[in-house]
Amino acid sequence: MEDVIKQIVEAEKKAEERIERAKGDAKEIILKAREEAKLIEENILKEAEERASYLIEKARREGEDEARKIITTGEGEVEKLRSRAMSNFETAISEGIELIRGG
């Protein structure tokens, strides 16, 4: 009977050791999973930041291109207006001189 009790006690010890080992393994698995999750999160954030920077830079370049086109068009329009104003001014002076001469 004593032998049976020793075997039961030994079996309980082995079971406890297995349980403790399983708990340790579970903790290790959880730690590794957390580390991997953190790395995944960091990579996702890094990729998102890179994508956002790319999109911002692209929008900035497009805005600058559009601004250059508007400036160029505006400069052309200003030159046309200046040219017409000079022509109108010269016509007005000619007509004013003509009026003074009695024309």
PDB file of N, CA and C in Angstrom:
ATOM      1  N   MET A   1       0.810  -1.181   0.000  1.00  0.00           N
ATOM      2  CA  MET A   1       0.000   0.000   0.000  1.00  0.00           C
ATOM      3  C   MET A   1       0.863   1.258   0.000  1.00  0.00           C
ATOM      4  N   GLU A   2       1.946   1.161   0.788  1.00  0.00           N
ATOM      5  CA  GLU A   2       2.860   2.295   0.848  1.00  0.00           C
ATOM      6  C   GLU A   2       3.453   2.571  -0.523  1.00  0.00           C
ATOM      7  N   ASP A   3       3.723   1.536  -1.262  1.00  0.00           N
ATOM      8  CA  ASP A   3       4.281   1.673  -2.609  1.00  0.00           C
ATOM      9  C   ASP A   3       3.291   2.397  -3.514  1.00  0.00           C
ATOM     10  N   VAL A   4       2.040   2.103  -3.383  1.00  0.00           N
ATOM     11  CA  VAL A   4       0.995   2.749  -4.193  1.00  0.00           C
ATOM     12  C   VAL A   4       0.925   4.228  -3.857  1.00  0.00           C
ATOM     13  N   ILE A   5       1.017   4.561  -2.583  1.00  0.00           N
ATOM     14  CA  ILE A   5       0.966   5.961  -2.132  1.00  0.00           C
ATOM     15  C   ILE A   5       2.178   6.711  -2.681  1.00  0.00           C
ATOM     16  N   LYS A   6       3.358   6.096  -2.655  1.00  0.00           N
ATOM     17  CA  LYS A   6       4.555   6.722  -3.200  1.00  0.00           C
ATOM     18  C   LYS A   6       4.387   6.981  -4.691  1.00  0.00           C
ATOM     19  N   GLN A   7       3.804   6.044  -5.392  1.00  0.00           N
ATOM     20  CA  GLN A   7       3.581   6.211  -6.831  1.00  0.00           C
ATOM     21  C   GLN A   7       2.591   7.353  -7.098  1.00  0.00           C
ATOM     22  N   ILE A   8       1.568   7.429  -6.256  1.00  0.00           N
ATOM     23  CA  ILE A   8       0.580   8.506  -6.408  1.00  0.00           C
ATOM     24  C   ILE A   8       1.256   9.853  -6.155  1.00  0.00           C
ATOM     25  N   VAL A   9       2.041   9.939  -5.095  1.00  0.00           N
ATOM     26  CA  VAL A   9       2.751  11.182  -4.770  1.00  0.00           C
ATOM     27  C   VAL A   9       3.714  11.544  -5.901  1.00  0.00           C
ATOM     28  N   GLU A  10       4.416  10.566  -6.401  1.00  0.00           N
ATOM     29  CA  GLU A  10       5.355  10.812  -7.507  1.00  0.00           C
ATOM     30  C   GLU A  10       4.610  11.277  -8.753  1.00  0.00           C
ATOM     31  N   ALA A  11       3.488  10.659  -9.018  1.00  0.00           N
ATOM     32  CA  ALA A  11       2.675  11.056 -10.172  1.00  0.00           C
ATOM     33  C   ALA A  11       2.176  12.482 -10.000  1.00  0.00           C
ATOM     34  N   GLU A  12       1.786  12.860  -8.779  1.00  0.00           N
ATOM     35  CA  GLU A  12       1.335  14.229  -8.506  1.00  0.00           C
ATOM     36  C   GLU A  12       2.482  15.220  -8.704  1.00  0.00           C
ATOM     37  N   LYS A  13       3.670  14.874  -8.266  1.00  0.00           N
ATOM     38  CA  LYS A  13       4.835  15.739  -8.451  1.00  0.00           C
ATOM     39  C   LYS A  13       5.109  15.956  -9.937  1.00  0.00           C
ATOM     40  N   LYS A  14       5.077  14.863 -10.685  1.00  0.00           N
ATOM     41  CA  LYS A  14       5.311  14.959 -12.124  1.00  0.00           C
ATOM     42  C   LYS A  14       4.227  15.802 -12.791  1.00  0.00           C
ATOM     43  N   ALA A  15       3.007  15.636 -12.351  1.00  0.00           N
ATOM     44  CA  ALA A  15       1.908  16.419 -12.900  1.00  0.00           C
ATOM     45  C   ALA A  15       2.115  17.902 -12.585  1.00  0.00           C
ATOM     46  N   GLU A  16       2.520  18.209 -11.359  1.00  0.00           N
ATOM     47  CA  GLU A  16       2.795  19.601 -10.961  1.00  0.00           C
ATOM     48  C   GLU A  16       3.938  20.180 -11.806  1.00  0.00           C
ATOM     49  N   GLU A  17       4.978  19.392 -12.020  1.00  0.00           N
ATOM     50  CA  GLU A  17       6.105  19.848 -12.837  1.00  0.00           C
ATOM     51  C   GLU A  17       5.640  20.151 -14.264  1.00  0.00           C
ATOM     52  N   ARG A  18       4.813  19.268 -14.802  1.00  0.00           N
ATOM     53  CA  ARG A  18       4.285  19.491 -16.152  1.00  0.00           C
ATOM     54  C   ARG A  18       3.428  20.754 -16.200  1.00  0.00           C
ATOM     55  N   ILE A  19       2.622  20.934 -15.185  1.00  0.00           N
ATOM     56  CA  ILE A  19       1.768  22.125 -15.122  1.00  0.00           C
ATOM     57  C   ILE A  19       2.639  23.385 -15.075  1.00  0.00           C
ATOM     58  N   GLU A  20       3.682  23.364 -14.230  1.00  0.00           N
ATOM     59  CA  GLU A  20       4.576  24.526 -14.113  1.00  0.00           C
ATOM     60  C   GLU A  20       5.308  24.784 -15.432  1.00  0.00           C
ATOM     61  N   ARG A  21       5.754  23.698 -16.069  1.00  0.00           N
ATOM     62  CA  ARG A  21       6.418  23.830 -17.365  1.00  0.00           C
ATOM     63  C   ARG A  21       5.450  24.414 -18.397  1.00  0.00           C
ATOM     64  N   ALA A  22       4.224  23.936 -18.377  1.00  0.00           N
ATOM     65  CA  ALA A  22       3.204  24.432 -19.309  1.00  0.00           C
ATOM     66  C   ALA A  22       2.928  25.921 -19.060  1.00  0.00           C
ATOM     67  N   LYS A  23       2.863  26.318 -17.782  1.00  0.00           N
ATOM     68  CA  LYS A  23       2.666  27.730 -17.450  1.00  0.00           C
ATOM     69  C   LYS A  23       3.832  28.571 -17.980  1.00  0.00           C
ATOM     70  N   GLY A  24       5.054  28.070 -17.779  1.00  0.00           N
ATOM     71  CA  GLY A  24       6.242  28.774 -18.284  1.00  0.00           C
ATOM     72  C   GLY A  24       6.218  28.895 -19.798  1.00  0.00           C
ATOM     73  N   ASP A  25       5.864  27.779 -20.450  1.00  0.00           N
ATOM     74  CA  ASP A  25       5.764  27.795 -21.912  1.00  0.00           C
ATOM     75  C   ASP A  25       4.701  28.793 -22.373  1.00  0.00           C
ATOM     76  N   ALA A  26       3.580  28.807 -21.679  1.00  0.00           N
ATOM     77  CA  ALA A  26       2.493  29.719 -22.034  1.00  0.00           C
ATOM     78  C   ALA A  26       2.935  31.174 -21.885  1.00  0.00           C
ATOM     79  N   LYS A  27       3.647  31.477 -20.791  1.00  0.00           N
ATOM     80  CA  LYS A  27       4.152  32.841 -20.579  1.00  0.00           C
ATOM     81  C   LYS A  27       5.110  33.231 -21.701  1.00  0.00           C
ATOM     82  N   GLU A  28       5.987  32.313 -22.064  1.00  0.00           N
ATOM     83  CA  GLU A  28       6.954  32.579 -23.128  1.00  0.00           C
ATOM     84  C   GLU A  28       6.244  32.823 -24.459  1.00  0.00           C
ATOM     85  N   ILE A  29       5.243  32.014 -24.746  1.00  0.00           N
ATOM     86  CA  ILE A  29       4.465  32.180 -25.983  1.00  0.00           C
ATOM     87  C   ILE A  29       3.780  33.550 -25.983  1.00  0.00           C
ATOM     88  N   ILE A  30       3.204  33.923 -24.858  1.00  0.00           N
ATOM     89  CA  ILE A  30       2.525  35.217 -24.752  1.00  0.00           C
ATOM     90  C   ILE A  30       3.513  36.368 -24.955  1.00  0.00           C
ATOM     91  N   LEU A  31       4.693  36.272 -24.342  1.00  0.00           N
ATOM     92  CA  LEU A  31       5.715  37.317 -24.511  1.00  0.00           C
ATOM     93  C   LEU A  31       6.144  37.445 -25.966  1.00  0.00           C
ATOM     94  N   LYS A  32       6.387  36.304 -26.607  1.00  0.00           N
ATOM     95  CA  LYS A  32       6.777  36.327 -28.017  1.00  0.00           C
ATOM     96  C   LYS A  32       5.666  36.922 -28.879  1.00  0.00           C
ATOM     97  N   ALA A  33       4.425  36.563 -28.590  1.00  0.00           N
ATOM     98  CA  ALA A  33       3.290  37.088 -29.352  1.00  0.00           C
ATOM     99  C   ALA A  33       3.185  38.606 -29.180  1.00  0.00           C
ATOM    100  N   ARG A  34       3.398  39.079 -27.964  1.00  0.00           N
ATOM    101  CA  ARG A  34       3.364  40.526 -27.717  1.00  0.00           C
ATOM    102  C   ARG A  34       4.484  41.238 -28.468  1.00  0.00           C
ATOM    103  N   GLU A  35       5.675  40.654 -28.451  1.00  0.00           N
ATOM    104  CA  GLU A  35       6.799  41.250 -29.167  1.00  0.00           C
ATOM    105  C   GLU A  35       6.511  41.316 -30.662  1.00  0.00           C
ATOM    106  N   GLU A  36       5.990  40.223 -31.197  1.00  0.00           N
ATOM    107  CA  GLU A  36       5.659  40.192 -32.620  1.00  0.00           C
ATOM    108  C   GLU A  36       4.562  41.208 -32.944  1.00  0.00           C
ATOM    109  N   ALA A  37       3.569  41.301 -32.080  1.00  0.00           N
ATOM    110  CA  ALA A  37       2.484  42.265 -32.290  1.00  0.00           C
ATOM    111  C   ALA A  37       3.031  43.688 -32.272  1.00  0.00           C
ATOM    112  N   LYS A  38       3.965  43.945 -31.376  1.00  0.00           N
ATOM    113  CA  LYS A  38       4.576  45.283 -31.290  1.00  0.00           C
ATOM    114  C   LYS A  38       5.353  45.585 -32.566  1.00  0.00           C
ATOM    115  N   LEU A  39       6.111  44.616 -33.060  1.00  0.00           N
ATOM    116  CA  LEU A  39       6.853  44.809 -34.303  1.00  0.00           C
ATOM    117  C   LEU A  39       5.915  45.052 -35.481  1.00  0.00           C
ATOM    118  N   ILE A  40       4.850  44.288 -35.524  1.00  0.00           N
ATOM    119  CA  ILE A  40       3.865  44.467 -36.597  1.00  0.00           C
ATOM    120  C   ILE A  40       3.263  45.865 -36.524  1.00  0.00           C
ATOM    121  N   GLU A  41       2.909  46.292 -35.326  1.00  0.00           N
ATOM    122  CA  GLU A  41       2.333  47.631 -35.132  1.00  0.00           C
ATOM    123  C   GLU A  41       3.326  48.708 -35.576  1.00  0.00           C
ATOM    124  N   GLU A  42       4.597  48.563 -35.180  1.00  0.00           N
ATOM    125  CA  GLU A  42       5.623  49.537 -35.562  1.00  0.00           C
ATOM    126  C   GLU A  42       5.784  49.587 -37.078  1.00  0.00           C
ATOM    127  N   ASN A  43       5.782  48.418 -37.715  1.00  0.00           N
ATOM    128  CA  ASN A  43       5.907  48.377 -39.179  1.00  0.00           C
ATOM    129  C   ASN A  43       4.713  49.034 -39.857  1.00  0.00           C
ATOM    130  N   ILE A  44       3.526  48.776 -39.349  1.00  0.00           N
ATOM    131  CA  ILE A  44       2.326  49.378 -39.924  1.00  0.00           C
ATOM    132  C   ILE A  44       2.387  50.901 -39.789  1.00  0.00           C
ATOM    133  N   LEU A  45       2.770  51.381 -38.610  1.00  0.00           N
ATOM    134  CA  LEU A  45       2.878  52.822 -38.400  1.00  0.00           C
ATOM    135  C   LEU A  45       3.946  53.438 -39.303  1.00  0.00           C
ATOM    136  N   LYS A  46       5.074  52.755 -39.431  1.00  0.00           N
ATOM    137  CA  LYS A  46       6.153  53.257 -40.289  1.00  0.00           C
ATOM    138  C   LYS A  46       5.679  53.342 -41.739  1.00  0.00           C
ATOM    139  N   GLU A  47       5.024  52.295 -42.218  1.00  0.00           N
ATOM    140  CA  GLU A  47       4.518  52.289 -43.591  1.00  0.00           C
ATOM    141  C   GLU A  47       3.471  53.385 -43.789  1.00  0.00           C
ATOM    142  N   ALA A  48       2.611  53.574 -42.797  1.00  0.00           N
ATOM    143  CA  ALA A  48       1.590  54.618 -42.889  1.00  0.00           C
ATOM    144  C   ALA A  48       2.221  56.001 -42.949  1.00  0.00           C
ATOM    145  N   GLU A  49       3.252  56.219 -42.135  1.00  0.00           N
ATOM    146  CA  GLU A  49       3.949  57.507 -42.154  1.00  0.00           C
ATOM    147  C   GLU A  49       4.647  57.735 -43.490  1.00  0.00           C
ATOM    148  N   GLU A  50       5.278  56.698 -44.019  1.00  0.00           N
ATOM    149  CA  GLU A  50       5.955  56.820 -45.312  1.00  0.00           C
ATOM    150  C   GLU A  50       4.941  57.132 -46.413  1.00  0.00           C
ATOM    151  N   ARG A  51       3.803  56.447 -46.376  1.00  0.00           N
ATOM    152  CA  ARG A  51       2.755  56.677 -47.387  1.00  0.00           C
ATOM    153  C   ARG A  51       2.201  58.090 -47.262  1.00  0.00           C
ATOM    154  N   ALA A  52       1.977  58.530 -46.036  1.00  0.00           N
ATOM    155  CA  ALA A  52       1.464  59.886 -45.817  1.00  0.00           C
ATOM    156  C   ALA A  52       2.468  60.918 -46.314  1.00  0.00           C
ATOM    157  N   SER A  53       3.742  60.717 -46.028  1.00  0.00           N
ATOM    158  CA  SER A  53       4.780  61.642 -46.501  1.00  0.00           C
ATOM    159  C   SER A  53       4.811  61.684 -48.024  1.00  0.00           C
ATOM    160  N   TYR A  54       4.700  60.518 -48.642  1.00  0.00           N
ATOM    161  CA  TYR A  54       4.685  60.452 -50.102  1.00  0.00           C
ATOM    162  C   TYR A  54       3.494  61.227 -50.664  1.00  0.00           C
ATOM    163  N   LEU A  55       2.315  61.007 -50.089  1.00  0.00           N
ATOM    164  CA  LEU A  55       1.119  61.690 -50.586  1.00  0.00           C
ATOM    165  C   LEU A  55       1.194  63.196 -50.375  1.00  0.00           C
ATOM    166  N   ILE A  56       1.737  63.613 -49.231  1.00  0.00           N
ATOM    167  CA  ILE A  56       1.893  65.047 -48.964  1.00  0.00           C
ATOM    168  C   ILE A  56       2.864  65.663 -49.963  1.00  0.00           C
ATOM    169  N   GLU A  57       3.980  65.000 -50.195  1.00  0.00           N
ATOM    170  CA  GLU A  57       4.970  65.512 -51.146  1.00  0.00           C
ATOM    171  C   GLU A  57       4.390  65.574 -52.558  1.00  0.00           C
ATOM    172  N   LYS A  58       3.648  64.553 -52.933  1.00  0.00           N
ATOM    173  CA  LYS A  58       3.018  64.523 -54.260  1.00  0.00           C
ATOM    174  C   LYS A  58       2.035  65.688 -54.401  1.00  0.00           C
ATOM    175  N   ALA A  59       1.215  65.911 -53.392  1.00  0.00           N
ATOM    176  CA  ALA A  59       0.245  67.009 -53.428  1.00  0.00           C
ATOM    177  C   ALA A  59       0.973  68.359 -53.477  1.00  0.00           C
ATOM    178  N   ARG A  60       2.069  68.485 -52.745  1.00  0.00           N
ATOM    179  CA  ARG A  60       2.846  69.725 -52.757  1.00  0.00           C
ATOM    180  C   ARG A  60       3.409  69.995 -54.144  1.00  0.00           C
ATOM    181  N   ARG A  61       3.981  68.968 -54.774  1.00  0.00           N
ATOM    182  CA  ARG A  61       4.531  69.138 -56.132  1.00  0.00           C
ATOM    183  C   ARG A  61       3.436  69.516 -57.116  1.00  0.00           C
ATOM    184  N   GLU A  62       2.289  68.844 -57.013  1.00  0.00           N
ATOM    185  CA  GLU A  62       1.179  69.167 -57.912  1.00  0.00           C
ATOM    186  C   GLU A  62       0.705  70.603 -57.694  1.00  0.00           C
ATOM    187  N   GLY A  63       0.645  71.029 -56.435  1.00  0.00           N
ATOM    188  CA  GLY A  63       0.251  72.398 -56.121  1.00  0.00           C
ATOM    189  C   GLY A  63       1.242  73.412 -56.682  1.00  0.00           C
ATOM    190  N   GLU A  64       2.521  73.106 -56.542  1.00  0.00           N
ATOM    191  CA  GLU A  64       3.547  74.002 -57.093  1.00  0.00           C
ATOM    192  C   GLU A  64       3.456  74.084 -58.604  1.00  0.00           C
ATOM    193  N   ASP A  65       3.231  72.946 -59.262  1.00  0.00           N
ATOM    194  CA  ASP A  65       3.082  72.938 -60.721  1.00  0.00           C
ATOM    195  C   ASP A  65       1.885  73.785 -61.142  1.00  0.00           C
ATOM    196  N   GLU A  66       0.777  73.609 -60.446  1.00  0.00           N
ATOM    197  CA  GLU A  66      -0.436  74.368 -60.758  1.00  0.00           C
ATOM    198  C   GLU A  66      -0.202  75.859 -60.523  1.00  0.00           C
ATOM    199  N   ALA A  67       0.499  76.203 -59.449  1.00  0.00           N
ATOM    200  CA  ALA A  67       0.791  77.609 -59.153  1.00  0.00           C
ATOM    201  C   ALA A  67       1.667  78.210 -60.257  1.00  0.00           C
ATOM    202  N   ARG A  68       2.666  77.447 -60.726  1.00  0.00           N
ATOM    203  CA  ARG A  68       3.521  77.943 -61.814  1.00  0.00           C
ATOM    204  C   ARG A  68       2.701  78.202 -63.077  1.00  0.00           C
ATOM    205  N   LYS A  69       1.779  77.283 -63.380  1.00  0.00           N
ATOM    206  CA  LYS A  69       0.929  77.467 -64.567  1.00  0.00           C
ATOM    207  C   LYS A  69       0.079  78.723 -64.424  1.00  0.00           C
ATOM    208  N   ILE A  70      -0.490  78.923 -63.242  1.00  0.00           N
ATOM    209  CA  ILE A  70      -1.331  80.096 -63.009  1.00  0.00           C
ATOM    210  C   ILE A  70      -0.500  81.373 -63.117  1.00  0.00           C
ATOM    211  N   ILE A  71       0.694  81.361 -62.544  1.00  0.00           N
ATOM    212  CA  ILE A  71       1.570  82.535 -62.611  1.00  0.00           C
ATOM    213  C   ILE A  71       1.944  82.833 -64.054  1.00  0.00           C
ATOM    214  N   THR A  72       2.314  81.790 -64.796  1.00  0.00           N
ATOM    215  CA  THR A  72       2.686  81.982 -66.202  1.00  0.00           C
ATOM    216  C   THR A  72       1.520  82.538 -66.998  1.00  0.00           C
ATOM    217  N   THR A  73       0.340  81.963 -66.806  1.00  0.00           N
ATOM    218  CA  THR A  73      -0.856  82.445 -67.495  1.00  0.00           C
ATOM    219  C   THR A  73      -1.154  83.880 -67.091  1.00  0.00           C
ATOM    220  N   GLY A  74      -1.041  84.160 -65.804  1.00  0.00           N
ATOM    221  CA  GLY A  74      -1.298  85.514 -65.299  1.00  0.00           C
ATOM    222  C   GLY A  74      -0.315  86.522 -65.869  1.00  0.00           C
ATOM    223  N   GLU A  75       0.949  86.138 -65.954  1.00  0.00           N
ATOM    224  CA  GLU A  75       1.947  87.045 -66.522  1.00  0.00           C
ATOM    225  C   GLU A  75       1.636  87.350 -67.979  1.00  0.00           C
ATOM    226  N   GLY A  76       1.192  86.332 -68.711  1.00  0.00           N
ATOM    227  CA  GLY A  76       0.805  86.538 -70.114  1.00  0.00           C
ATOM    228  C   GLY A  76      -0.380  87.485 -70.224  1.00  0.00           C
ATOM    229  N   GLU A  77      -1.357  87.307 -69.352  1.00  0.00           N
ATOM    230  CA  GLU A  77      -2.535  88.179 -69.353  1.00  0.00           C
ATOM    231  C   GLU A  77      -2.154  89.609 -68.998  1.00  0.00           C
ATOM    232  N   VAL A  78      -1.264  89.766 -68.012  1.00  0.00           N
ATOM    233  CA  VAL A  78      -0.811  91.102 -67.612  1.00  0.00           C
ATOM    234  C   VAL A  78      -0.091  91.773 -68.782  1.00  0.00           C
ATOM    235  N   GLU A  79       0.728  91.025 -69.490  1.00  0.00           N
ATOM    236  CA  GLU A  79       1.456  91.582 -70.640  1.00  0.00           C
ATOM    237  C   GLU A  79       0.478  92.019 -71.729  1.00  0.00           C
ATOM    238  N   LYS A  80      -0.552  91.212 -71.984  1.00  0.00           N
ATOM    239  CA  LYS A  80      -1.572  91.589 -72.977  1.00  0.00           C
ATOM    240  C   LYS A  80      -2.286  92.870 -72.558  1.00  0.00           C
ATOM    241  N   LEU A  81      -2.657  92.952 -71.281  1.00  0.00           N
ATOM    242  CA  LEU A  81      -3.333  94.154 -70.784  1.00  0.00           C
ATOM    243  C   LEU A  81      -2.431  95.377 -70.891  1.00  0.00           C
ATOM    244  N   ARG A  82      -1.163  95.215 -70.548  1.00  0.00           N
ATOM    245  CA  ARG A  82      -0.212  96.322 -70.641  1.00  0.00           C
ATOM    246  C   ARG A  82      -0.068  96.794 -72.084  1.00  0.00           C
ATOM    247  N   SER A  83       0.027  95.822 -72.971  1.00  0.00           N
ATOM    248  CA  SER A  83       0.167  96.150 -74.390  1.00  0.00           C
ATOM    249  C   SER A  83      -1.069  96.891 -74.891  1.00  0.00           C
ATOM    250  N   ARG A  84      -2.266  96.392 -74.528  1.00  0.00           N
ATOM    251  CA  ARG A  84      -3.501  97.080 -74.939  1.00  0.00           C
ATOM    252  C   ARG A  84      -3.595  98.469 -74.320  1.00  0.00           C
ATOM    253  N   ALA A  85      -3.179  98.589 -73.051  1.00  0.00           N
ATOM    254  CA  ALA A  85      -3.227  99.889 -72.377  1.00  0.00           C
ATOM    255  C   ALA A  85      -2.310 100.882 -73.076  1.00  0.00           C
ATOM    256  N   MET A  86      -1.108 100.424 -73.448  1.00  0.00           N
ATOM    257  CA  MET A  86      -0.177 101.306 -74.163  1.00  0.00           C
ATOM    258  C   MET A  86      -0.747 101.715 -75.508  1.00  0.00           C
ATOM    259  N   SER A  87      -1.349 100.757 -76.195  1.00  0.00           N
ATOM    260  CA  SER A  87      -1.948 101.057 -77.495  1.00  0.00           C
ATOM    261  C   SER A  87      -3.090 102.054 -77.334  1.00  0.00           C
ATOM    262  N   ASN A  88      -3.939 101.838 -76.349  1.00  0.00           N
ATOM    263  CA  ASN A  88      -5.050 102.767 -76.088  1.00  0.00           C
ATOM    264  C   ASN A  88      -4.514 104.139 -75.684  1.00  0.00           C
ATOM    265  N   PHE A  89      -3.441 104.153 -74.908  1.00  0.00           N
ATOM    266  CA  PHE A  89      -2.833 105.408 -74.469  1.00  0.00           C
ATOM    267  C   PHE A  89      -2.288 106.178 -75.675  1.00  0.00           C
ATOM    268  N   GLU A  90      -1.593 105.445 -76.553  1.00  0.00           N
ATOM    269  CA  GLU A  90      -1.039 106.093 -77.748  1.00  0.00           C
ATOM    270  C   GLU A  90      -2.155 106.609 -78.645  1.00  0.00           C
ATOM    271  N   THR A  91      -3.227 105.834 -78.778  1.00  0.00           N
ATOM    272  CA  THR A  91      -4.373 106.275 -79.569  1.00  0.00           C
ATOM    273  C   THR A  91      -4.995 107.518 -78.947  1.00  0.00           C
ATOM    274  N   ALA A  92      -5.140 107.496 -77.620  1.00  0.00           N
ATOM    275  CA  ALA A  92      -5.740 108.652 -76.936  1.00  0.00           C
ATOM    276  C   ALA A  92      -4.873 109.885 -77.109  1.00  0.00           C
ATOM    277  N   ILE A  93      -3.569 109.736 -77.027  1.00  0.00           N
ATOM    278  CA  ILE A  93      -2.667 110.880 -77.205  1.00  0.00           C
ATOM    279  C   ILE A  93      -2.766 111.404 -78.636  1.00  0.00           C
ATOM    280  N   SER A  94      -2.783 110.476 -79.592  1.00  0.00           N
ATOM    281  CA  SER A  94      -2.891 110.885 -81.000  1.00  0.00           C
ATOM    282  C   SER A  94      -4.185 111.647 -81.233  1.00  0.00           C
ATOM    283  N   GLU A  95      -5.274 111.120 -80.684  1.00  0.00           N
ATOM    284  CA  GLU A  95      -6.566 111.788 -80.860  1.00  0.00           C
ATOM    285  C   GLU A  95      -6.589 113.126 -80.123  1.00  0.00           C
ATOM    286  N   GLY A  96      -5.934 113.176 -78.943  1.00  0.00           N
ATOM    287  CA  GLY A  96      -5.848 114.443 -78.204  1.00  0.00           C
ATOM    288  C   GLY A  96      -5.071 115.480 -78.993  1.00  0.00           C
ATOM    289  N   ILE A  97      -3.963 115.082 -79.610  1.00  0.00           N
ATOM    290  CA  ILE A  97      -3.158 115.993 -80.422  1.00  0.00           C
ATOM    291  C   ILE A  97      -3.969 116.452 -81.618  1.00  0.00           C
ATOM    292  N   GLU A  98      -4.688 115.509 -82.213  1.00  0.00           N
ATOM    293  CA  GLU A  98      -5.523 115.827 -83.364  1.00  0.00           C
ATOM    294  C   GLU A  98      -6.592 116.858 -82.992  1.00  0.00           C
ATOM    295  N   LEU A  99      -7.184 116.702 -81.811  1.00  0.00           N
ATOM    296  CA  LEU A  99      -8.195 117.651 -81.326  1.00  0.00           C
ATOM    297  C   LEU A  99      -7.587 119.030 -81.094  1.00  0.00           C
ATOM    298  N   ILE A 100      -6.379 119.029 -80.531  1.00  0.00           N
ATOM    299  CA  ILE A 100      -5.707 120.313 -80.260  1.00  0.00           C
ATOM    300  C   ILE A 100      -5.365 121.012 -81.571  1.00  0.00           C
ATOM    301  N   ARG A 101      -4.976 120.300 -82.567  1.00  0.00           N
ATOM    302  CA  ARG A 101      -4.632 120.867 -83.869  1.00  0.00           C
ATOM    303  C   ARG A 101      -5.871 121.334 -84.607  1.00  0.00           C
ATOM    304  N   GLY A 102      -6.994 120.929 -84.096  1.00  0.00           N
ATOM    305  CA  GLY A 102      -8.240 121.371 -84.716  1.00  0.00           C
ATOM    306  C   GLY A 102      -8.794 120.371 -85.689  1.00  0.00           C
ATOM    307  N   GLY A 103      -8.442 119.190 -85.499  1.00  0.00           N
ATOM    308  CA  GLY A 103      -8.810 118.152 -86.415  1.00  0.00           C
ATOM    309  C   GLY A 103     -10.135 117.609 -86.319  1.00  0.00           C
TER     310      GLY A 103
END
